[in-house]
Amino acid sequence: MFYWRWFNRRHHPFARLVGGVLGLVLLVGVLTLGFFALVAFAFVGTIVALTRALARAHAQAQTPAAHPHVLEGEYVVLQNRASIKR
């Protein structure tokens, strides 16, 4: 018969108590570390969001197009070989 020996319970009551308390302390430590990481990410994210919002507020507003259906942009006219006279 096979036994899973990885998580065997200790027989001594004091060893069980120490193992349980150690596990709880580790769990609380990991949760505390995760909480502080979350607070740090939220703080940095807030700074980034405020910086972007202020940068957008001070940016110049784009002038609207003369006609709402006209797209403005730069372009280059490429000549077709058939249109070139030799």
C-alpha atoms as a PDB file:
ATOM      1  CA  MET A   1       0.000   0.000   0.000  1.00  0.00           C
ATOM      2  CA  PHE A   2       1.236   3.484  -0.858  1.00  0.00           C
ATOM      3  CA  TYR A   3       1.214   6.376   1.588  1.00  0.00           C
ATOM      4  CA  TRP A   4       1.615  10.023   0.811  1.00  0.00           C
ATOM      5  CA  ARG A   5       4.422  10.960   3.172  1.00  0.00           C
ATOM      6  CA  TRP A   6       4.857  14.616   2.237  1.00  0.00           C
ATOM      7  CA  PHE A   7       2.301  16.080   4.654  1.00  0.00           C
ATOM      8  CA  ASN A   8       2.497  13.610   7.509  1.00  0.00           C
ATOM      9  CA  ARG A   9       1.246  15.029  10.766  1.00  0.00           C
ATOM     10  CA  ARG A  10       3.689  15.096  13.598  1.00  0.00           C
ATOM     11  CA  HIS A  11       2.833  12.912  16.563  1.00  0.00           C
ATOM     12  CA  HIS A  12       4.125  15.239  19.251  1.00  0.00           C
ATOM     13  CA  PRO A  13       1.517  17.880  20.230  1.00  0.00           C
ATOM     14  CA  PHE A  14       4.114  20.620  20.758  1.00  0.00           C
ATOM     15  CA  ALA A  15       5.627  19.948  17.314  1.00  0.00           C
ATOM     16  CA  ARG A  16       2.135  20.229  15.802  1.00  0.00           C
ATOM     17  CA  LEU A  17       1.587  23.530  17.588  1.00  0.00           C
ATOM     18  CA  VAL A  18       4.939  24.952  16.475  1.00  0.00           C
ATOM     19  CA  GLY A  19       4.316  23.837  12.883  1.00  0.00           C
ATOM     20  CA  GLY A  20       0.850  25.391  12.848  1.00  0.00           C
ATOM     21  CA  VAL A  21       2.036  28.671  14.340  1.00  0.00           C
ATOM     22  CA  LEU A  22       4.962  28.782  11.897  1.00  0.00           C
ATOM     23  CA  GLY A  23       2.586  28.184   8.999  1.00  0.00           C
ATOM     24  CA  LEU A  24       0.256  30.963  10.171  1.00  0.00           C
ATOM     25  CA  VAL A  25       3.164  33.381  10.600  1.00  0.00           C
ATOM     26  CA  LEU A  26       4.373  32.612   7.072  1.00  0.00           C
ATOM     27  CA  LEU A  27       0.859  33.044   5.679  1.00  0.00           C
ATOM     28  CA  VAL A  28       0.404  36.413   7.409  1.00  0.00           C
ATOM     29  CA  GLY A  29       3.855  37.500   6.188  1.00  0.00           C
ATOM     30  CA  VAL A  30       3.068  36.639   2.574  1.00  0.00           C
ATOM     31  CA  LEU A  31      -0.313  38.385   2.756  1.00  0.00           C
ATOM     32  CA  THR A  32       1.293  41.476   4.305  1.00  0.00           C
ATOM     33  CA  LEU A  33       3.958  41.573   1.605  1.00  0.00           C
ATOM     34  CA  GLY A  34       1.271  41.253  -1.066  1.00  0.00           C
ATOM     35  CA  PHE A  35      -0.741  44.056   0.504  1.00  0.00           C
ATOM     36  CA  PHE A  36       2.236  46.421   0.511  1.00  0.00           C
ATOM     37  CA  ALA A  37       3.014  45.490  -3.097  1.00  0.00           C
ATOM     38  CA  LEU A  38      -0.601  46.303  -4.019  1.00  0.00           C
ATOM     39  CA  VAL A  39      -0.381  49.663  -2.240  1.00  0.00           C
ATOM     40  CA  ALA A  40       2.893  50.461  -4.031  1.00  0.00           C
ATOM     41  CA  PHE A  41       1.440  49.581  -7.449  1.00  0.00           C
ATOM     42  CA  ALA A  42      -1.661  51.670  -6.736  1.00  0.00           C
ATOM     43  CA  PHE A  43       0.486  54.624  -5.654  1.00  0.00           C
ATOM     44  CA  VAL A  44       2.675  54.462  -8.762  1.00  0.00           C
ATOM     45  CA  GLY A  45      -0.389  53.989 -10.982  1.00  0.00           C
ATOM     46  CA  THR A  46      -2.032  57.049  -9.456  1.00  0.00           C
ATOM     47  CA  ILE A  47       1.082  59.143 -10.083  1.00  0.00           C
ATOM     48  CA  VAL A  48       1.248  57.967 -13.704  1.00  0.00           C
ATOM     49  CA  ALA A  49      -2.462  58.650 -14.259  1.00  0.00           C
ATOM     50  CA  LEU A  50      -2.222  62.149 -12.777  1.00  0.00           C
ATOM     51  CA  THR A  51       0.890  62.941 -14.822  1.00  0.00           C
ATOM     52  CA  ARG A  52      -0.797  61.848 -18.038  1.00  0.00           C
ATOM     53  CA  ALA A  53      -3.975  63.757 -17.223  1.00  0.00           C
ATOM     54  CA  LEU A  54      -2.032  66.947 -16.533  1.00  0.00           C
ATOM     55  CA  ALA A  55       0.027  66.513 -19.701  1.00  0.00           C
ATOM     56  CA  ARG A  56      -3.139  66.083 -21.766  1.00  0.00           C
ATOM     57  CA  ALA A  57      -4.760  69.121 -20.156  1.00  0.00           C
ATOM     58  CA  HIS A  58      -1.835  71.377 -21.097  1.00  0.00           C
ATOM     59  CA  ALA A  59      -1.460  70.026 -24.632  1.00  0.00           C
ATOM     60  CA  GLN A  60      -2.646  72.232 -27.438  1.00  0.00           C
ATOM     61  CA  ALA A  61      -6.076  71.462 -28.764  1.00  0.00           C
ATOM     62  CA  GLN A  62      -6.042  70.323 -32.379  1.00  0.00           C
ATOM     63  CA  THR A  63      -7.762  72.606 -34.816  1.00  0.00           C
ATOM     64  CA  PRO A  64     -10.817  70.976 -36.352  1.00  0.00           C
ATOM     65  CA  ALA A  65     -10.791  70.175 -40.059  1.00  0.00           C
ATOM     66  CA  ALA A  66     -12.415  72.621 -42.459  1.00  0.00           C
ATOM     67  CA  HIS A  67     -14.887  69.957 -43.464  1.00  0.00           C
ATOM     68  CA  PRO A  68     -15.823  67.186 -41.005  1.00  0.00           C
ATOM     69  CA  HIS A  69     -15.526  64.478 -43.669  1.00  0.00           C
ATOM     70  CA  VAL A  70     -12.014  65.507 -44.765  1.00  0.00           C
ATOM     71  CA  LEU A  71      -9.040  63.617 -43.410  1.00  0.00           C
ATOM     72  CA  GLU A  72      -5.914  65.708 -43.190  1.00  0.00           C
ATOM     73  CA  GLY A  73      -2.467  64.257 -43.514  1.00  0.00           C
ATOM     74  CA  GLU A  74       0.802  64.294 -45.382  1.00  0.00           C
ATOM     75  CA  TYR A  75       1.182  62.277 -48.513  1.00  0.00           C
ATOM     76  CA  VAL A  76       3.570  61.741 -51.401  1.00  0.00           C
ATOM     77  CA  VAL A  77       2.406  61.250 -54.978  1.00  0.00           C
ATOM     78  CA  LEU A  78       4.130  58.284 -56.578  1.00  0.00           C
ATOM     79  CA  GLN A  79       4.336  58.400 -60.312  1.00  0.00           C
ATOM     80  CA  ASN A  80       3.122  55.486 -62.348  1.00  0.00           C
ATOM     81  CA  ARG A  81       5.527  54.195 -65.014  1.00  0.00           C
ATOM     82  CA  ALA A  82       2.779  54.323 -67.612  1.00  0.00           C
ATOM     83  CA  SER A  83       2.219  58.034 -66.986  1.00  0.00           C
ATOM     84  CA  ILE A  84       5.910  58.906 -67.484  1.00  0.00           C
ATOM     85  CA  LYS A  85       6.552  60.048 -71.063  1.00  0.00           C
ATOM     86  CA  ARG A  86       9.789  58.861 -72.582  1.00  0.00           C
END
